[in-house]
Amino acid sequence: MVDSLCRLPVGDCLKLCHRVVDGLCGREPPSRKDFSSTWSLEEWLDLLNSLTAFFRVAVGSNSSDEEVLAGLSSMSSSSHADTLLSVLRARREEILRALLDRTNSISSATLQDFDWQLKLALSSDKISSLHTPLLSLSLDVRENTGLRSVTMEMNRDELNTLITSLEAANKVVLQLK
């Protein structure tokens, strides 16, 4: 998907890549409205995910310039590949710090409290006749930066998936002890 960058002039590609790195580092990411005439929403999301993954993998695996260029060899434009490499070179340390900060904050997050409510979706006549139960789950998660509240609404299938994931995570934690 990174190959769709070739739709942009090299200068705009450079700006976009720097904005993607900004988003990766916790600052304002690029805005879709600036590129809505270039890519559809699905293409835009795929491109952002691909670029973010590219920068994460290249920095996380400490890839050399040659390895990065070899990975980008399928791009139809070598100038766009060189642009990606130049952004990577210029912002490698910043990306690494952001990745390390994110890893540290994820590993130190702990669940402080939870609350749940069961609701019935009643937003229209058709939906209310379905009698779809929804669970509203609020989690208070303590991170390095303080307490953060996370709220999610789930149907029965999503709840079962969450429970299965939590049980699997619990098994892993018990094995680590």
N, C-alpha and C. Protein backbone atom coordinates (compact mmCIF):
# COMPACT_ATOMS: atom_id res chain seq x y z
N MET A 1 0.82 -1.21 0.00
CA MET A 1 0.00 0.00 0.00
C MET A 1 0.86 1.26 0.00
N VAL A 2 2.08 1.14 0.49
CA VAL A 2 2.96 2.30 0.50
C VAL A 2 3.20 2.79 -0.93
N ASP A 3 3.03 1.90 -1.91
CA ASP A 3 3.22 2.27 -3.31
C ASP A 3 2.23 3.35 -3.75
N SER A 4 1.08 3.47 -3.08
CA SER A 4 0.13 4.51 -3.46
C SER A 4 0.64 5.91 -3.11
N LEU A 5 1.75 5.98 -2.40
CA LEU A 5 2.38 7.28 -2.15
C LEU A 5 2.81 7.96 -3.44
N CYS A 6 3.04 7.17 -4.47
CA CYS A 6 3.50 7.71 -5.75
C CYS A 6 2.47 8.61 -6.40
N ARG A 7 1.25 8.63 -5.88
CA ARG A 7 0.23 9.55 -6.39
C ARG A 7 0.52 10.99 -5.99
N LEU A 8 1.38 11.15 -4.99
CA LEU A 8 1.73 12.49 -4.51
C LEU A 8 3.05 12.94 -5.11
N PRO A 9 3.21 14.24 -5.32
CA PRO A 9 4.54 14.75 -5.66
C PRO A 9 5.49 14.49 -4.48
N VAL A 10 6.76 14.41 -4.75
CA VAL A 10 7.75 14.06 -3.73
C VAL A 10 7.69 15.02 -2.54
N GLY A 11 7.52 16.31 -2.79
CA GLY A 11 7.45 17.28 -1.70
C GLY A 11 6.28 17.03 -0.77
N ASP A 12 5.12 16.72 -1.34
CA ASP A 12 3.94 16.42 -0.53
C ASP A 12 4.11 15.09 0.19
N CYS A 13 4.78 14.17 -0.45
CA CYS A 13 5.06 12.87 0.18
C CYS A 13 5.92 13.07 1.42
N LEU A 14 6.91 13.93 1.31
CA LEU A 14 7.79 14.23 2.44
C LEU A 14 6.99 14.81 3.61
N LYS A 15 6.11 15.77 3.30
CA LYS A 15 5.29 16.39 4.35
C LYS A 15 4.38 15.35 5.00
N LEU A 16 3.76 14.51 4.18
CA LEU A 16 2.87 13.47 4.71
C LEU A 16 3.63 12.52 5.63
N CYS A 17 4.79 12.07 5.21
CA CYS A 17 5.57 11.14 6.02
C CYS A 17 5.97 11.76 7.36
N HIS A 18 6.34 13.03 7.34
CA HIS A 18 6.68 13.70 8.60
C HIS A 18 5.45 13.81 9.50
N ARG A 19 4.28 14.05 8.92
CA ARG A 19 3.05 14.13 9.72
C ARG A 19 2.67 12.76 10.28
N VAL A 20 2.93 11.70 9.53
CA VAL A 20 2.67 10.34 10.04
C VAL A 20 3.57 10.08 11.25
N VAL A 21 4.83 10.47 11.16
CA VAL A 21 5.75 10.30 12.28
C VAL A 21 5.29 11.17 13.46
N ASP A 22 4.80 12.37 13.17
CA ASP A 22 4.25 13.21 14.25
C ASP A 22 3.15 12.46 14.99
N GLY A 23 2.24 11.84 14.23
CA GLY A 23 1.15 11.08 14.84
C GLY A 23 1.67 9.90 15.65
N LEU A 24 2.67 9.23 15.13
CA LEU A 24 3.29 8.11 15.83
C LEU A 24 3.93 8.56 17.13
N CYS A 25 4.41 9.77 17.15
CA CYS A 25 5.09 10.31 18.33
C CYS A 25 4.14 11.04 19.28
N GLY A 26 2.84 10.95 19.03
CA GLY A 26 1.87 11.53 19.94
C GLY A 26 1.46 12.95 19.63
N ARG A 27 1.89 13.47 18.52
CA ARG A 27 1.46 14.81 18.12
C ARG A 27 0.37 14.68 17.07
N GLU A 28 0.01 15.77 16.45
CA GLU A 28 -1.11 15.76 15.50
C GLU A 28 -0.76 14.98 14.23
N PRO A 29 -1.54 13.94 13.92
CA PRO A 29 -1.29 13.15 12.71
C PRO A 29 -1.81 13.89 11.48
N PRO A 30 -1.52 13.37 10.29
CA PRO A 30 -2.02 14.03 9.08
C PRO A 30 -3.54 13.96 9.03
N SER A 31 -4.13 14.94 8.37
CA SER A 31 -5.58 15.01 8.27
C SER A 31 -6.04 14.48 6.92
N ARG A 32 -7.08 13.69 6.93
CA ARG A 32 -7.60 13.12 5.70
C ARG A 32 -8.12 14.20 4.76
N LYS A 33 -8.65 15.27 5.31
CA LYS A 33 -9.24 16.31 4.46
C LYS A 33 -8.20 16.93 3.52
N ASP A 34 -6.94 16.90 3.91
CA ASP A 34 -5.88 17.43 3.05
C ASP A 34 -5.61 16.52 1.85
N PHE A 35 -6.05 15.26 1.93
CA PHE A 35 -5.74 14.29 0.89
C PHE A 35 -6.97 13.57 0.36
N SER A 36 -8.16 14.10 0.63
CA SER A 36 -9.40 13.41 0.25
C SER A 36 -9.55 13.28 -1.26
N SER A 37 -8.92 14.17 -2.01
CA SER A 37 -9.02 14.06 -3.48
C SER A 37 -8.02 13.04 -4.03
N THR A 38 -7.05 12.64 -3.22
CA THR A 38 -6.02 11.70 -3.67
C THR A 38 -6.39 10.25 -3.38
N TRP A 39 -6.95 10.00 -2.19
CA TRP A 39 -7.27 8.64 -1.78
C TRP A 39 -8.67 8.55 -1.22
N SER A 40 -9.29 7.40 -1.40
CA SER A 40 -10.58 7.14 -0.75
C SER A 40 -10.32 6.93 0.74
N LEU A 41 -11.36 6.89 1.53
CA LEU A 41 -11.19 6.69 2.97
C LEU A 41 -10.48 5.38 3.26
N GLU A 42 -10.89 4.32 2.60
CA GLU A 42 -10.25 3.01 2.83
C GLU A 42 -8.78 3.04 2.43
N GLU A 43 -8.48 3.64 1.28
CA GLU A 43 -7.08 3.74 0.85
C GLU A 43 -6.28 4.58 1.83
N TRP A 44 -6.88 5.67 2.31
CA TRP A 44 -6.21 6.56 3.27
C TRP A 44 -5.87 5.80 4.55
N LEU A 45 -6.83 5.07 5.10
CA LEU A 45 -6.58 4.32 6.33
C LEU A 45 -5.53 3.24 6.12
N ASP A 46 -5.59 2.55 4.97
CA ASP A 46 -4.57 1.54 4.65
C ASP A 46 -3.19 2.18 4.54
N LEU A 47 -3.13 3.33 3.90
CA LEU A 47 -1.85 4.03 3.73
C LEU A 47 -1.29 4.45 5.08
N LEU A 48 -2.13 5.04 5.94
CA LEU A 48 -1.66 5.45 7.26
C LEU A 48 -1.16 4.26 8.07
N ASN A 49 -1.92 3.17 8.04
CA ASN A 49 -1.50 1.97 8.77
C ASN A 49 -0.19 1.43 8.21
N SER A 50 -0.06 1.42 6.89
CA SER A 50 1.16 0.91 6.26
C SER A 50 2.37 1.78 6.59
N LEU A 51 2.20 3.09 6.51
CA LEU A 51 3.32 3.98 6.83
C LEU A 51 3.71 3.88 8.29
N THR A 52 2.72 3.85 9.17
CA THR A 52 3.01 3.73 10.60
C THR A 52 3.74 2.42 10.88
N ALA A 53 3.25 1.33 10.29
CA ALA A 53 3.90 0.03 10.47
C ALA A 53 5.32 0.05 9.90
N PHE A 54 5.49 0.69 8.75
CA PHE A 54 6.82 0.78 8.14
C PHE A 54 7.80 1.44 9.10
N PHE A 55 7.43 2.61 9.66
CA PHE A 55 8.32 3.33 10.55
C PHE A 55 8.57 2.54 11.84
N ARG A 56 7.53 1.92 12.39
CA ARG A 56 7.70 1.12 13.60
C ARG A 56 8.64 -0.05 13.38
N VAL A 57 8.42 -0.79 12.30
CA VAL A 57 9.24 -1.97 12.03
C VAL A 57 10.68 -1.58 11.73
N ALA A 58 10.85 -0.56 10.90
CA ALA A 58 12.21 -0.15 10.51
C ALA A 58 13.02 0.31 11.73
N VAL A 59 12.37 1.06 12.62
CA VAL A 59 13.08 1.53 13.81
C VAL A 59 13.18 0.41 14.85
N GLY A 60 12.09 -0.32 15.03
CA GLY A 60 12.06 -1.38 16.04
C GLY A 60 13.06 -2.49 15.77
N SER A 61 13.27 -2.80 14.49
CA SER A 61 14.22 -3.86 14.15
C SER A 61 15.61 -3.29 13.84
N ASN A 62 15.76 -1.99 14.00
CA ASN A 62 17.05 -1.31 13.77
C ASN A 62 17.59 -1.63 12.38
N SER A 63 16.72 -1.52 11.37
CA SER A 63 17.10 -1.84 10.00
C SER A 63 18.10 -0.83 9.45
N SER A 64 19.04 -1.32 8.70
CA SER A 64 20.01 -0.44 8.04
C SER A 64 19.35 0.21 6.83
N ASP A 65 20.01 1.22 6.27
CA ASP A 65 19.48 1.90 5.08
C ASP A 65 19.32 0.92 3.93
N GLU A 66 20.26 0.00 3.79
CA GLU A 66 20.20 -0.97 2.71
C GLU A 66 19.01 -1.90 2.87
N GLU A 67 18.74 -2.32 4.11
CA GLU A 67 17.60 -3.19 4.37
C GLU A 67 16.28 -2.47 4.09
N VAL A 68 16.22 -1.20 4.47
CA VAL A 68 15.02 -0.42 4.22
C VAL A 68 14.79 -0.26 2.73
N LEU A 69 15.84 0.10 1.99
CA LEU A 69 15.70 0.26 0.54
C LEU A 69 15.35 -1.06 -0.14
N ALA A 70 15.89 -2.16 0.37
CA ALA A 70 15.54 -3.47 -0.20
C ALA A 70 14.06 -3.76 0.03
N GLY A 71 13.54 -3.38 1.19
CA GLY A 71 12.13 -3.57 1.47
C GLY A 71 11.23 -2.68 0.63
N LEU A 72 11.77 -1.55 0.22
CA LEU A 72 11.00 -0.61 -0.60
C LEU A 72 11.26 -0.78 -2.09
N SER A 73 12.00 -1.80 -2.46
CA SER A 73 12.38 -1.98 -3.86
C SER A 73 11.18 -2.20 -4.78
N SER A 74 10.06 -2.63 -4.22
CA SER A 74 8.87 -2.85 -5.04
C SER A 74 8.15 -1.55 -5.40
N MET A 75 8.55 -0.44 -4.75
CA MET A 75 7.91 0.84 -5.08
C MET A 75 8.27 1.24 -6.50
N SER A 76 7.29 1.79 -7.19
CA SER A 76 7.51 2.15 -8.59
C SER A 76 8.37 3.41 -8.73
N SER A 77 8.49 4.18 -7.66
CA SER A 77 9.28 5.41 -7.73
C SER A 77 10.40 5.36 -6.71
N SER A 78 11.64 5.40 -7.20
CA SER A 78 12.77 5.37 -6.27
C SER A 78 12.89 6.68 -5.50
N SER A 79 12.40 7.78 -6.08
CA SER A 79 12.46 9.06 -5.35
C SER A 79 11.53 9.04 -4.14
N HIS A 80 10.40 8.35 -4.25
CA HIS A 80 9.51 8.23 -3.10
C HIS A 80 10.12 7.30 -2.04
N ALA A 81 10.78 6.25 -2.47
CA ALA A 81 11.47 5.36 -1.53
C ALA A 81 12.58 6.12 -0.81
N ASP A 82 13.31 6.96 -1.55
CA ASP A 82 14.36 7.78 -0.94
C ASP A 82 13.76 8.77 0.05
N THR A 83 12.57 9.27 -0.25
CA THR A 83 11.88 10.19 0.66
C THR A 83 11.54 9.49 1.97
N LEU A 84 11.00 8.28 1.88
CA LEU A 84 10.70 7.51 3.09
C LEU A 84 11.97 7.28 3.90
N LEU A 85 13.05 6.93 3.22
CA LEU A 85 14.31 6.68 3.91
C LEU A 85 14.84 7.96 4.57
N SER A 86 14.71 9.09 3.90
CA SER A 86 15.20 10.35 4.49
C SER A 86 14.41 10.72 5.74
N VAL A 87 13.10 10.50 5.73
CA VAL A 87 12.29 10.77 6.93
C VAL A 87 12.70 9.82 8.04
N LEU A 88 12.91 8.58 7.70
CA LEU A 88 13.34 7.58 8.68
C LEU A 88 14.67 7.97 9.31
N ARG A 89 15.62 8.37 8.48
CA ARG A 89 16.94 8.79 9.00
C ARG A 89 16.81 9.99 9.92
N ALA A 90 16.03 10.98 9.49
CA ALA A 90 15.92 12.23 10.24
C ALA A 90 15.20 12.05 11.57
N ARG A 91 14.26 11.11 11.64
CA ARG A 91 13.41 11.02 12.83
C ARG A 91 13.53 9.71 13.58
N ARG A 92 14.57 8.92 13.26
CA ARG A 92 14.75 7.60 13.86
C ARG A 92 14.75 7.66 15.39
N GLU A 93 15.54 8.55 15.97
CA GLU A 93 15.64 8.63 17.43
C GLU A 93 14.31 9.03 18.06
N GLU A 94 13.62 9.94 17.43
CA GLU A 94 12.33 10.38 17.94
C GLU A 94 11.30 9.24 17.90
N ILE A 95 11.30 8.48 16.82
CA ILE A 95 10.39 7.33 16.71
C ILE A 95 10.74 6.29 17.76
N LEU A 96 12.02 6.04 17.96
CA LEU A 96 12.45 5.06 18.95
C LEU A 96 12.00 5.46 20.35
N ARG A 97 12.15 6.74 20.68
CA ARG A 97 11.69 7.23 22.00
C ARG A 97 10.19 7.03 22.16
N ALA A 98 9.43 7.33 21.09
CA ALA A 98 7.98 7.17 21.16
C ALA A 98 7.60 5.71 21.33
N LEU A 99 8.29 4.82 20.62
CA LEU A 99 8.00 3.39 20.75
C LEU A 99 8.32 2.89 22.16
N LEU A 100 9.44 3.33 22.70
CA LEU A 100 9.82 2.93 24.05
C LEU A 100 8.85 3.48 25.09
N ASP A 101 8.45 4.75 24.92
CA ASP A 101 7.49 5.35 25.84
C ASP A 101 6.17 4.60 25.81
N ARG A 102 5.72 4.25 24.61
CA ARG A 102 4.45 3.53 24.47
C ARG A 102 4.56 2.15 25.11
N THR A 103 5.67 1.47 24.91
CA THR A 103 5.87 0.15 25.50
C THR A 103 5.88 0.24 27.01
N ASN A 104 6.56 1.23 27.55
CA ASN A 104 6.61 1.39 29.00
C ASN A 104 5.25 1.73 29.58
N SER A 105 4.48 2.57 28.90
CA SER A 105 3.17 2.94 29.44
C SER A 105 2.20 1.78 29.34
N ILE A 106 2.31 0.95 28.32
CA ILE A 106 1.42 -0.20 28.19
C ILE A 106 1.76 -1.23 29.26
N SER A 107 3.04 -1.48 29.47
CA SER A 107 3.42 -2.51 30.43
C SER A 107 3.15 -2.09 31.86
N SER A 108 3.03 -0.79 32.12
CA SER A 108 2.79 -0.35 33.49
C SER A 108 1.34 0.02 33.75
N ALA A 109 0.45 -0.20 32.80
CA ALA A 109 -0.95 0.11 33.01
C ALA A 109 -1.58 -0.96 33.88
N THR A 110 -2.36 -0.53 34.88
CA THR A 110 -3.06 -1.48 35.74
C THR A 110 -4.52 -1.06 35.86
N LEU A 111 -5.38 -2.04 35.93
CA LEU A 111 -6.80 -1.80 36.08
C LEU A 111 -7.07 -1.41 37.52
N GLN A 112 -7.68 -0.26 37.73
CA GLN A 112 -7.97 0.23 39.07
C GLN A 112 -9.39 -0.11 39.52
N ASP A 113 -10.36 0.02 38.63
CA ASP A 113 -11.75 -0.18 39.01
C ASP A 113 -12.56 -0.47 37.75
N PHE A 114 -13.70 -1.09 37.90
CA PHE A 114 -14.57 -1.29 36.75
C PHE A 114 -16.02 -1.18 37.18
N ASP A 115 -16.87 -0.88 36.24
CA ASP A 115 -18.30 -0.76 36.46
C ASP A 115 -18.99 -1.27 35.22
N TRP A 116 -20.13 -1.90 35.35
CA TRP A 116 -20.83 -2.39 34.19
C TRP A 116 -22.33 -2.14 34.33
N GLN A 117 -22.97 -1.99 33.18
CA GLN A 117 -24.42 -1.81 33.12
C GLN A 117 -24.92 -2.58 31.92
N LEU A 118 -26.11 -3.12 32.03
CA LEU A 118 -26.72 -3.80 30.90
C LEU A 118 -27.81 -2.90 30.36
N LYS A 119 -27.79 -2.63 29.05
CA LYS A 119 -28.76 -1.76 28.41
C LYS A 119 -29.48 -2.53 27.31
N LEU A 120 -30.60 -2.01 26.90
CA LEU A 120 -31.31 -2.55 25.76
C LEU A 120 -31.33 -1.47 24.69
N ALA A 121 -30.84 -1.78 23.48
CA ALA A 121 -30.78 -0.78 22.40
C ALA A 121 -32.19 -0.42 21.98
N LEU A 122 -32.54 0.86 22.08
CA LEU A 122 -33.89 1.32 21.76
C LEU A 122 -33.87 2.55 20.87
N SER A 123 -32.97 2.63 19.94
CA SER A 123 -32.83 3.86 19.16
C SER A 123 -33.87 4.01 18.06
N SER A 124 -34.54 2.94 17.65
CA SER A 124 -35.60 3.07 16.66
C SER A 124 -36.59 1.93 16.85
N ASP A 125 -37.74 2.03 16.20
CA ASP A 125 -38.75 0.98 16.34
C ASP A 125 -38.22 -0.37 15.90
N LYS A 126 -37.49 -0.39 14.79
CA LYS A 126 -36.98 -1.65 14.27
C LYS A 126 -35.94 -2.26 15.20
N ILE A 127 -35.04 -1.43 15.69
CA ILE A 127 -33.99 -1.94 16.57
C ILE A 127 -34.57 -2.36 17.91
N SER A 128 -35.55 -1.61 18.44
CA SER A 128 -36.12 -1.97 19.74
C SER A 128 -36.85 -3.31 19.67
N SER A 129 -37.37 -3.66 18.51
CA SER A 129 -38.05 -4.94 18.39
C SER A 129 -37.06 -6.11 18.37
N LEU A 130 -35.79 -5.83 18.12
CA LEU A 130 -34.77 -6.88 18.12
C LEU A 130 -34.38 -7.29 19.53
N HIS A 131 -34.61 -6.41 20.51
CA HIS A 131 -34.24 -6.66 21.90
C HIS A 131 -32.78 -7.09 22.01
N THR A 132 -31.89 -6.24 21.52
CA THR A 132 -30.46 -6.53 21.54
C THR A 132 -29.85 -6.02 22.84
N PRO A 133 -29.44 -6.91 23.74
CA PRO A 133 -28.80 -6.44 24.97
C PRO A 133 -27.38 -5.97 24.69
N LEU A 134 -27.02 -4.86 25.33
CA LEU A 134 -25.68 -4.30 25.19
C LEU A 134 -25.09 -4.13 26.58
N LEU A 135 -23.81 -4.40 26.70
CA LEU A 135 -23.11 -4.20 27.96
C LEU A 135 -22.30 -2.92 27.83
N SER A 136 -22.46 -2.04 28.79
CA SER A 136 -21.64 -0.83 28.84
C SER A 136 -20.60 -1.04 29.94
N LEU A 137 -19.33 -1.12 29.55
CA LEU A 137 -18.25 -1.42 30.48
C LEU A 137 -17.35 -0.21 30.61
N SER A 138 -17.15 0.25 31.84
CA SER A 138 -16.25 1.37 32.10
C SER A 138 -15.07 0.87 32.91
N LEU A 139 -13.88 1.11 32.42
CA LEU A 139 -12.66 0.68 33.10
C LEU A 139 -11.85 1.90 33.49
N ASP A 140 -11.33 1.92 34.71
CA ASP A 140 -10.38 2.95 35.13
C ASP A 140 -9.01 2.32 35.10
N VAL A 141 -8.14 2.81 34.24
CA VAL A 141 -6.82 2.23 34.04
C VAL A 141 -5.78 3.23 34.53
N ARG A 142 -4.91 2.79 35.43
CA ARG A 142 -3.84 3.65 35.92
C ARG A 142 -2.62 3.45 35.04
N GLU A 143 -2.11 4.55 34.50
CA GLU A 143 -0.90 4.53 33.69
C GLU A 143 0.12 5.45 34.35
N ASN A 144 1.29 5.54 33.76
CA ASN A 144 2.32 6.43 34.30
C ASN A 144 1.83 7.86 34.37
N THR A 145 0.99 8.24 33.40
CA THR A 145 0.54 9.63 33.32
C THR A 145 -0.66 9.91 34.22
N GLY A 146 -1.23 8.90 34.87
CA GLY A 146 -2.37 9.10 35.75
C GLY A 146 -3.47 8.10 35.46
N LEU A 147 -4.66 8.44 35.92
CA LEU A 147 -5.81 7.57 35.76
C LEU A 147 -6.55 7.92 34.48
N ARG A 148 -6.88 6.90 33.69
CA ARG A 148 -7.58 7.10 32.42
C ARG A 148 -8.81 6.22 32.42
N SER A 149 -9.94 6.79 32.03
CA SER A 149 -11.18 6.04 31.98
C SER A 149 -11.43 5.56 30.56
N VAL A 150 -11.76 4.28 30.42
CA VAL A 150 -12.05 3.69 29.12
C VAL A 150 -13.46 3.12 29.19
N THR A 151 -14.32 3.55 28.27
CA THR A 151 -15.69 3.06 28.24
C THR A 151 -15.94 2.40 26.91
N MET A 152 -16.59 1.23 26.95
CA MET A 152 -16.91 0.54 25.71
C MET A 152 -18.29 -0.09 25.84
N GLU A 153 -18.94 -0.23 24.70
CA GLU A 153 -20.25 -0.85 24.66
C GLU A 153 -20.15 -2.08 23.78
N MET A 154 -20.66 -3.22 24.28
CA MET A 154 -20.47 -4.48 23.56
C MET A 154 -21.78 -5.25 23.49
N ASN A 155 -21.94 -5.98 22.39
CA ASN A 155 -23.05 -6.93 22.32
C ASN A 155 -22.56 -8.25 22.90
N ARG A 156 -23.42 -9.26 22.87
CA ARG A 156 -23.09 -10.54 23.49
C ARG A 156 -21.85 -11.19 22.87
N ASP A 157 -21.73 -11.17 21.53
CA ASP A 157 -20.57 -11.78 20.87
C ASP A 157 -19.27 -11.08 21.24
N GLU A 158 -19.32 -9.75 21.25
CA GLU A 158 -18.12 -8.98 21.61
C GLU A 158 -17.73 -9.24 23.07
N LEU A 159 -18.73 -9.36 23.94
CA LEU A 159 -18.46 -9.66 25.34
C LEU A 159 -17.80 -11.03 25.49
N ASN A 160 -18.33 -12.03 24.76
CA ASN A 160 -17.72 -13.36 24.82
C ASN A 160 -16.28 -13.34 24.34
N THR A 161 -16.00 -12.56 23.29
CA THR A 161 -14.63 -12.43 22.79
C THR A 161 -13.73 -11.79 23.84
N LEU A 162 -14.24 -10.75 24.50
CA LEU A 162 -13.47 -10.08 25.56
C LEU A 162 -13.17 -11.05 26.70
N ILE A 163 -14.17 -11.79 27.13
CA ILE A 163 -13.98 -12.74 28.23
C ILE A 163 -12.94 -13.80 27.85
N THR A 164 -13.03 -14.31 26.63
CA THR A 164 -12.06 -15.31 26.17
C THR A 164 -10.64 -14.72 26.16
N SER A 165 -10.51 -13.49 25.69
CA SER A 165 -9.19 -12.83 25.67
C SER A 165 -8.66 -12.62 27.07
N LEU A 166 -9.51 -12.19 27.98
CA LEU A 166 -9.07 -11.98 29.36
C LEU A 166 -8.68 -13.28 30.04
N GLU A 167 -9.42 -14.35 29.77
CA GLU A 167 -9.05 -15.65 30.33
C GLU A 167 -7.71 -16.12 29.80
N ALA A 168 -7.46 -15.91 28.50
CA ALA A 168 -6.17 -16.29 27.91
C ALA A 168 -5.05 -15.46 28.52
N ALA A 169 -5.28 -14.17 28.70
CA ALA A 169 -4.27 -13.30 29.31
C ALA A 169 -3.99 -13.74 30.75
N ASN A 170 -5.04 -14.12 31.48
CA ASN A 170 -4.86 -14.58 32.85
C ASN A 170 -4.00 -15.84 32.89
N LYS A 171 -4.21 -16.76 31.96
CA LYS A 171 -3.41 -17.98 31.91
C LYS A 171 -1.93 -17.66 31.68
N VAL A 172 -1.67 -16.70 30.79
CA VAL A 172 -0.29 -16.30 30.52
C VAL A 172 0.34 -15.69 31.77
N VAL A 173 -0.41 -14.82 32.46
CA VAL A 173 0.11 -14.20 33.67
C VAL A 173 0.40 -15.26 34.73
N LEU A 174 -0.48 -16.23 34.87
CA LEU A 174 -0.26 -17.30 35.86
C LEU A 174 0.96 -18.13 35.51
N GLN A 175 1.23 -18.34 34.22
CA GLN A 175 2.40 -19.11 33.81
C GLN A 175 3.69 -18.34 34.08
N LEU A 176 3.62 -17.01 34.04
CA LEU A 176 4.81 -16.19 34.28
C LEU A 176 5.19 -16.15 35.75
N LYS A 177 4.25 -16.45 36.63
CA LYS A 177 4.54 -16.38 38.08
C LYS A 177 5.37 -17.52 38.55
